[in-house]
């Protein structure tokens, strides 16, 4: 007996085949989204924050300009005593009837290990754009550094164990998050700042705004601002930024990670299970997407701060460093202007895992 055509069956049921297909697809994706939300909560129980999770962090957008008086508008005349009293009475009545508006808050994750050594700076590790958990990615490097000095890893909102709430992702706001986390743990520096990829812009901003806190900088495949301007279209993978949220929210990435974790985990030295959990939770989070959107603005800010007066090490991906003459000129010119010791690596994106000892030795030269 011949099998019935699904399209013919759908027609007989009164629904077009395309509608049936969309209903089935919607059911699968909806079920995946529910599963994803359940697993995110379970992950946080299975893999609790290994450092300190700062709760109820006030999120204040420092990048919003304060209102300034219009010079063309004449100032209002001074109120009389009667007007002052009436205004005070009205304000009191309003406060009694108006419910207080809750302040927007979030959570920040910071990890601290190793003993503070007298006369030696602390190593501060900052992850680059899209790094779903800087703590897990830096874990092999931390193991090589923690016996020599204090080591701190900060995870921005939308990364690692930090919360999802965030302010506008300007360099000023991202630095405010970092300073809040450092002050909450009593860490004042000085720091050797280790910056991966786009975190190089943050390192420049911190060194410019708080020079007393920075005693050295190590750039890991972090292009200088001028090079980002030249390579802006390809500097970040904008396609990922706008296509990855759907498979993340519907659990597709989580399902793939269960059966093929090697597709996501960056190297054999990284713990696969917690990393897959962080990937399924954070990949192309809203905060990461805003960072991509803010890149051009942040580059303009960093362009005015592209100078350093502290020792610098630059570990660069040889292929990217020599991608074309103009990019190499800009990158090498910056390294020359800051007196950076340049270390070339052929490991590309796997640099942190395959060149761990080389990177650790370079950082320890800055620590002293």
Protein backbone atom coordinates (compact mmCIF):
# COMPACT_ATOMS: atom_id res chain seq x y z
CA UNK A 1 0.00 0.00 0.00
CA UNK A 2 1.48 3.39 -1.01
CA UNK A 3 2.42 5.79 1.74
CA UNK A 4 0.34 8.92 1.99
CA UNK A 5 2.03 12.18 1.10
CA UNK A 6 2.33 14.44 4.24
CA UNK A 7 1.24 17.41 2.16
CA UNK A 8 -1.86 15.52 0.99
CA UNK A 9 -2.59 14.49 4.60
CA UNK A 10 -2.25 18.11 5.75
CA UNK A 11 -4.60 19.26 2.99
CA UNK A 12 -7.21 16.72 4.03
CA UNK A 13 -6.95 17.85 7.63
CA UNK A 14 -7.76 21.35 6.52
CA UNK A 15 -4.31 22.86 7.32
CA UNK A 16 -1.64 23.73 4.76
CA UNK A 17 1.57 21.73 5.16
CA UNK A 18 3.55 24.92 5.82
CA UNK A 19 1.29 25.78 8.76
CA UNK A 20 1.65 22.28 10.20
CA UNK A 21 5.43 22.53 9.84
CA UNK A 22 5.50 25.93 11.58
CA UNK A 23 3.34 24.64 14.42
CA UNK A 24 5.66 21.68 14.96
CA UNK A 25 8.71 23.94 14.78
CA UNK A 26 7.14 26.39 17.23
CA UNK A 27 6.36 23.54 19.63
CA UNK A 28 9.95 22.27 19.47
CA UNK A 29 11.49 25.74 19.93
CA UNK A 30 9.05 26.65 22.69
CA UNK A 31 9.81 23.43 24.51
CA UNK A 32 13.52 24.09 24.03
CA UNK A 33 13.14 27.56 25.53
CA UNK A 34 11.41 26.18 28.62
CA UNK A 35 14.13 23.53 28.96
CA UNK A 36 16.80 26.20 28.56
CA UNK A 37 15.35 28.34 31.36
CA UNK A 38 15.09 25.32 33.65
CA UNK A 39 18.68 24.27 32.92
CA UNK A 40 20.07 27.78 33.48
CA UNK A 41 18.68 27.70 37.02
CA UNK A 42 19.98 24.18 37.54
CA UNK A 43 23.44 25.17 36.24
CA UNK A 44 23.71 27.89 38.87
CA UNK A 45 23.07 25.24 41.52
CA UNK A 46 25.41 22.69 39.97
CA UNK A 47 28.17 25.22 39.34
CA UNK A 48 27.89 27.92 42.04
CA UNK A 49 30.07 31.05 41.71
CA UNK A 50 33.64 30.08 42.65
CA UNK A 51 34.43 33.64 43.71
CA UNK A 52 32.35 36.43 45.23
CA UNK A 53 29.00 37.33 43.68
CA UNK A 54 28.16 40.91 44.62
CA UNK A 55 24.38 41.30 44.78
CA UNK A 56 22.20 44.43 44.54
CA UNK A 57 24.89 46.46 42.80
CA UNK A 58 23.47 49.93 41.95
CA UNK A 59 23.62 50.43 38.20
CA UNK A 60 24.12 54.11 37.44
CA UNK A 61 24.65 55.18 33.84
CA UNK A 62 27.62 57.55 34.03
CA UNK A 63 27.66 58.06 30.28
CA UNK A 64 24.41 60.06 30.34
CA UNK A 65 25.23 63.76 30.27
CA UNK A 66 24.03 65.85 33.20
CA UNK A 67 21.53 68.55 32.29
CA UNK A 68 23.18 71.94 31.83
CA UNK A 69 21.42 75.29 32.03
CA UNK A 70 20.65 77.00 28.74
CA UNK A 71 22.71 80.23 28.59
CA UNK A 72 20.05 81.90 26.44
CA UNK A 73 17.35 81.42 29.07
CA UNK A 74 17.16 84.05 31.77
CA UNK A 75 17.28 82.68 35.33
CA UNK A 76 14.00 82.60 37.20
CA UNK A 77 13.53 85.24 39.89
CA UNK A 78 14.21 84.19 43.46
CA UNK A 79 11.03 82.75 45.08
CA UNK A 80 9.42 84.65 47.92
CA UNK A 81 9.12 83.22 51.45
CA UNK A 82 5.46 82.41 50.81
CA UNK A 83 6.32 80.56 47.58
CA UNK A 84 9.08 78.61 49.36
CA UNK A 85 6.65 77.49 52.07
CA UNK A 86 4.01 76.48 49.51
CA UNK A 87 6.56 74.51 47.49
CA UNK A 88 7.82 72.70 50.60
CA UNK A 89 4.26 71.80 51.61
CA UNK A 90 3.48 70.48 48.10
CA UNK A 91 6.70 68.41 48.03
CA UNK A 92 5.89 66.87 51.43
CA UNK A 93 2.39 65.91 50.29
CA UNK A 94 3.76 64.40 47.09
CA UNK A 95 6.37 62.33 48.95
CA UNK A 96 3.69 60.96 51.27
CA UNK A 97 1.50 59.75 48.41
CA UNK A 98 4.23 58.68 45.94
CA UNK A 99 5.73 55.20 46.30
CA UNK A 100 9.55 55.13 46.16
CA UNK A 101 10.83 53.91 42.81
CA UNK A 102 13.26 50.95 43.24
CA UNK A 103 16.77 51.59 41.97
CA UNK A 104 17.98 49.38 39.12
CA UNK A 105 20.45 46.84 40.45
CA UNK A 106 22.52 43.95 39.15
CA UNK A 107 25.15 41.46 40.27
CA UNK A 108 28.90 41.28 39.59
CA UNK A 109 31.22 38.31 39.89
CA UNK A 110 34.84 38.71 40.97
CA UNK A 111 37.35 35.95 41.76
CA UNK A 112 40.43 36.49 43.91
CA UNK A 113 43.19 33.96 44.59
CA UNK A 114 46.84 33.90 45.65
CA UNK A 115 48.56 35.79 48.43
CA UNK A 116 49.39 39.45 48.20
CA UNK A 117 53.20 39.74 48.02
CA UNK A 118 54.80 42.87 49.44
CA UNK A 119 56.20 45.03 46.66
CA UNK A 120 54.50 43.05 43.90
CA UNK A 121 51.43 44.24 42.01
CA UNK A 122 48.29 42.14 41.74
CA UNK A 123 47.42 40.63 38.36
CA UNK A 124 44.00 41.75 37.11
CA UNK A 125 42.57 39.61 34.28
CA UNK A 126 39.94 41.11 31.95
CA UNK A 127 38.17 39.02 29.32
CA UNK A 128 37.50 40.20 25.79
CA UNK A 129 34.25 40.58 23.90
CA UNK A 130 32.26 37.35 23.57
CA UNK A 131 34.32 35.42 26.15
CA UNK A 132 31.42 33.65 27.89
CA UNK A 133 33.40 33.17 31.12
CA UNK A 134 36.77 34.92 31.55
CA UNK A 135 37.32 32.98 34.79
CA UNK A 136 37.06 29.58 33.10
CA UNK A 137 39.01 30.70 30.04
CA UNK A 138 41.82 32.11 32.19
CA UNK A 139 41.87 29.10 34.57
CA UNK A 140 45.06 27.49 33.14
CA UNK A 141 46.85 30.85 33.32
CA UNK A 142 45.64 31.48 36.88
CA UNK A 143 47.19 28.17 37.98
CA UNK A 144 50.60 29.38 36.76
CA UNK A 145 50.32 32.83 38.36
CA UNK A 146 48.67 32.33 41.77
CA UNK A 147 51.81 30.98 43.49
CA UNK A 148 53.74 34.13 42.57
CA UNK A 149 51.28 36.92 43.31
CA UNK A 150 47.64 37.77 43.91
CA UNK A 151 45.36 37.20 40.91
CA UNK A 152 41.92 38.69 40.26
CA UNK A 153 39.43 37.91 37.49
CA UNK A 154 36.51 40.26 36.92
CA UNK A 155 33.49 39.22 34.86
CA UNK A 156 31.39 42.01 33.40
CA UNK A 157 27.56 41.88 33.34
CA UNK A 158 26.46 39.30 30.80
CA UNK A 159 29.65 37.26 31.31
CA UNK A 160 30.41 34.26 33.51
CA UNK A 161 28.51 34.28 36.80
CA UNK A 162 27.68 38.00 36.70
CA UNK A 163 24.06 39.03 36.26
CA UNK A 164 22.28 40.07 33.08
CA UNK A 165 21.40 43.65 34.11
CA UNK A 166 23.76 46.32 32.81
CA UNK A 167 24.13 49.99 32.03
CA UNK A 168 25.06 51.39 28.61
CA UNK A 169 28.29 49.62 27.67
CA UNK A 170 30.50 52.69 27.46
CA UNK A 171 34.09 52.44 28.70
CA UNK A 172 33.15 54.75 31.55
CA UNK A 173 30.32 52.49 32.74
CA UNK A 174 32.36 49.31 32.34
CA UNK A 175 35.15 50.86 34.39
CA UNK A 176 32.59 51.84 37.06
CA UNK A 177 31.50 48.18 37.30
CA UNK A 178 35.11 47.09 37.68
CA UNK A 179 35.96 49.70 40.31
CA UNK A 180 32.84 48.82 42.30
CA UNK A 181 33.82 45.14 42.36
CA UNK A 182 37.43 45.92 43.31
CA UNK A 183 36.46 48.29 46.11
CA UNK A 184 33.89 45.81 47.44
CA UNK A 185 36.66 43.24 47.89
CA UNK A 186 39.14 45.75 49.30
CA UNK A 187 41.46 45.55 46.28
CA UNK A 188 43.19 48.86 45.56
CA UNK A 189 46.14 47.78 43.43
CA UNK A 190 48.47 48.55 41.90
CA UNK A 191 47.59 46.09 39.15
CA UNK A 192 49.23 44.51 36.17
CA UNK A 193 46.21 44.57 33.87
CA UNK A 194 45.95 41.62 31.48
CA UNK A 195 43.56 42.47 28.66
CA UNK A 196 42.28 39.99 26.11
CA UNK A 197 41.20 41.35 22.69
CA UNK A 198 38.68 44.23 23.11
CA UNK A 199 39.44 44.50 26.84
CA UNK A 200 42.55 46.33 25.65
CA UNK A 201 40.31 49.40 25.27
CA UNK A 202 39.25 49.02 28.91
CA UNK A 203 42.88 48.70 30.01
CA UNK A 204 43.77 51.94 28.22
CA UNK A 205 40.79 53.72 29.78
CA UNK A 206 41.64 52.49 33.28
CA UNK A 207 45.31 53.48 32.91
CA UNK A 208 44.24 56.93 31.71
CA UNK A 209 41.55 57.53 34.38
CA UNK A 210 43.27 55.81 37.32
CA UNK A 211 47.02 55.84 36.59
CA UNK A 212 47.88 55.13 40.22
CA UNK A 213 46.14 51.74 39.92
CA UNK A 214 48.04 50.46 36.87
CA UNK A 215 51.69 49.41 37.06
CA UNK A 216 51.82 47.44 33.82
CA UNK A 217 49.69 46.15 30.97
CA UNK A 218 49.75 42.85 29.07
CA UNK A 219 47.76 42.82 25.84
CA UNK A 220 46.68 39.38 24.60
CA UNK A 221 45.79 39.69 20.93
CA UNK A 222 44.38 43.15 21.69
CA UNK A 223 44.51 45.55 18.77
CA UNK A 224 45.15 49.25 19.50
CA UNK A 225 42.27 51.69 18.88
CA UNK A 226 43.59 52.90 15.51
CA UNK A 227 43.72 49.32 14.24
CA UNK A 228 40.09 48.78 15.26
CA UNK A 229 39.12 51.85 13.25
CA UNK A 230 40.87 50.41 10.22
CA UNK A 231 39.34 46.96 10.73
CA UNK A 232 36.01 47.99 12.29
CA UNK A 233 33.79 45.90 10.00
CA UNK A 234 35.67 42.72 10.87
CA UNK A 235 36.78 43.60 14.39
CA UNK A 236 33.84 41.79 15.95
CA UNK A 237 31.66 39.11 14.44
CA UNK A 238 28.45 41.11 14.14
CA UNK A 239 26.71 38.18 12.41
CA UNK A 240 27.12 36.13 15.59
CA UNK A 241 25.88 39.03 17.69
CA UNK A 242 22.52 39.03 15.93
CA UNK A 243 22.01 35.36 15.07
CA UNK A 244 23.28 33.52 18.16
CA UNK A 245 20.62 34.73 20.65
CA UNK A 246 17.87 32.56 19.09
CA UNK A 247 19.73 29.21 19.40
CA UNK A 248 20.87 30.26 22.86
CA UNK A 249 17.38 31.12 24.12
CA UNK A 250 15.79 28.00 22.59
CA UNK A 251 18.40 25.58 23.99
CA UNK A 252 19.88 24.60 20.62
CA UNK A 253 23.43 25.46 21.69
CA UNK A 254 22.95 23.56 24.94
CA UNK A 255 21.82 20.46 23.06
CA UNK A 256 24.80 20.65 20.71
CA UNK A 257 27.13 21.12 23.67
CA UNK A 258 25.88 17.91 25.29
CA UNK A 259 26.79 15.79 22.28
CA UNK A 260 29.73 17.75 20.85
CA UNK A 261 31.33 19.89 23.59
CA UNK A 262 34.57 20.17 21.60
CA UNK A 263 32.78 22.55 19.23
CA UNK A 264 32.57 25.16 22.00
CA UNK A 265 35.23 24.48 24.65
CA UNK A 266 38.44 26.48 23.94
CA UNK A 267 41.19 23.88 24.44
CA UNK A 268 41.71 20.75 26.51
CA UNK A 269 42.84 22.65 29.62
CA UNK A 270 39.43 24.24 30.20
CA UNK A 271 36.85 22.35 32.29
CA UNK A 272 34.22 21.32 29.69
CA UNK A 273 31.03 20.98 31.75
CA UNK A 274 30.99 24.37 33.53
CA UNK A 275 32.18 26.05 30.33
CA UNK A 276 29.32 24.54 28.31
CA UNK A 277 26.93 25.74 31.03
CA UNK A 278 28.35 29.28 30.77
CA UNK A 279 28.26 29.13 26.96
CA UNK A 280 24.61 28.03 26.91
CA UNK A 281 23.78 30.80 29.40
CA UNK A 282 25.79 33.73 28.08
CA UNK A 283 26.79 33.41 24.43
CA UNK A 284 25.89 36.69 22.72
CA UNK A 285 24.06 38.01 25.78
CA UNK A 286 22.31 41.37 25.55
CA UNK A 287 25.31 43.01 27.23
CA UNK A 288 27.66 41.55 24.61
CA UNK A 289 25.40 42.76 21.84
CA UNK A 290 25.41 46.28 23.27
CA UNK A 291 29.21 46.16 23.53
CA UNK A 292 29.31 45.37 19.82
CA UNK A 293 26.94 48.26 19.17
CA UNK A 294 29.07 50.60 21.33
CA UNK A 295 32.41 49.58 19.83
CA UNK A 296 32.68 52.57 17.50
CA UNK A 297 31.95 55.02 20.33
CA UNK A 298 34.37 53.30 22.69
CA UNK A 299 37.10 53.36 20.05
CA UNK A 300 36.72 57.14 19.79
CA UNK A 301 37.15 57.42 23.56
CA UNK A 302 40.18 55.13 23.59
CA UNK A 303 41.76 57.00 20.66
CA UNK A 304 42.31 59.97 22.99
CA UNK A 305 43.87 57.68 25.61
CA UNK A 306 46.13 55.55 23.39
CA UNK A 307 49.30 56.16 25.37
CA UNK A 308 50.88 54.37 28.30
CA UNK A 309 53.69 55.29 30.66
CA UNK A 310 54.01 51.85 32.27
CA UNK A 311 55.78 48.66 31.10
CA UNK A 312 53.80 46.86 28.38
CA UNK A 313 53.89 43.37 26.90
CA UNK A 314 51.94 42.58 23.73
CA UNK A 315 51.29 38.94 22.84
CA UNK A 316 49.99 39.02 19.29
CA UNK A 317 48.51 36.52 16.86
CA UNK A 318 51.10 36.40 14.07
CA UNK A 319 48.50 35.88 11.34
CA UNK A 320 46.38 38.85 12.44
CA UNK A 321 49.44 41.00 13.22
CA UNK A 322 50.77 40.55 9.69
CA UNK A 323 47.37 40.40 7.98
CA UNK A 324 48.16 43.35 5.71
CA UNK A 325 50.74 46.15 5.63
CA UNK A 326 48.41 48.90 6.90
CA UNK A 327 47.11 46.89 9.86
CA UNK A 328 50.66 45.84 10.75
CA UNK A 329 51.85 49.45 10.53
CA UNK A 330 49.14 50.66 12.92
CA UNK A 331 49.60 47.80 15.36
CA UNK A 332 53.39 47.88 15.33
CA UNK A 333 53.35 51.68 15.54
CA UNK A 334 51.28 51.57 18.73
CA UNK A 335 53.50 48.89 20.27
CA UNK A 336 56.52 51.01 19.45
CA UNK A 337 54.98 54.17 20.90
CA UNK A 338 54.30 52.50 24.27
CA UNK A 339 57.60 50.61 24.29
CA UNK A 340 55.89 47.21 24.31
CA UNK A 341 57.79 43.95 24.34
CA UNK A 342 56.18 42.06 21.45
CA UNK A 343 55.76 38.28 21.56
CA UNK A 344 54.37 36.69 18.41
CA UNK A 345 52.29 33.51 18.56
CA UNK A 346 51.03 31.28 15.77
CA UNK A 347 48.24 29.77 17.89
CA UNK A 348 45.51 32.26 16.97
CA UNK A 349 42.31 31.92 19.01
CA UNK A 350 43.84 29.07 21.04
CA UNK A 351 46.67 31.28 22.25
CA UNK A 352 45.55 31.32 25.89
CA UNK A 353 45.50 27.52 26.06
CA UNK A 354 48.51 26.66 23.88
CA UNK A 355 50.82 29.49 24.93
CA UNK A 356 49.87 29.51 28.61
CA UNK A 357 53.41 29.26 29.96
CA UNK A 358 54.73 31.89 27.56
CA UNK A 359 51.96 34.30 28.55
CA UNK A 360 52.46 33.59 32.25
CA UNK A 361 56.20 34.29 31.97
CA UNK A 362 55.50 37.56 30.14
CA UNK A 363 53.05 38.68 32.84
CA UNK A 364 55.47 37.76 35.62
CA UNK A 365 58.14 39.96 34.05
CA UNK A 366 55.75 42.88 34.61
CA UNK A 367 54.98 41.72 38.14
CA UNK A 368 58.72 41.73 38.94
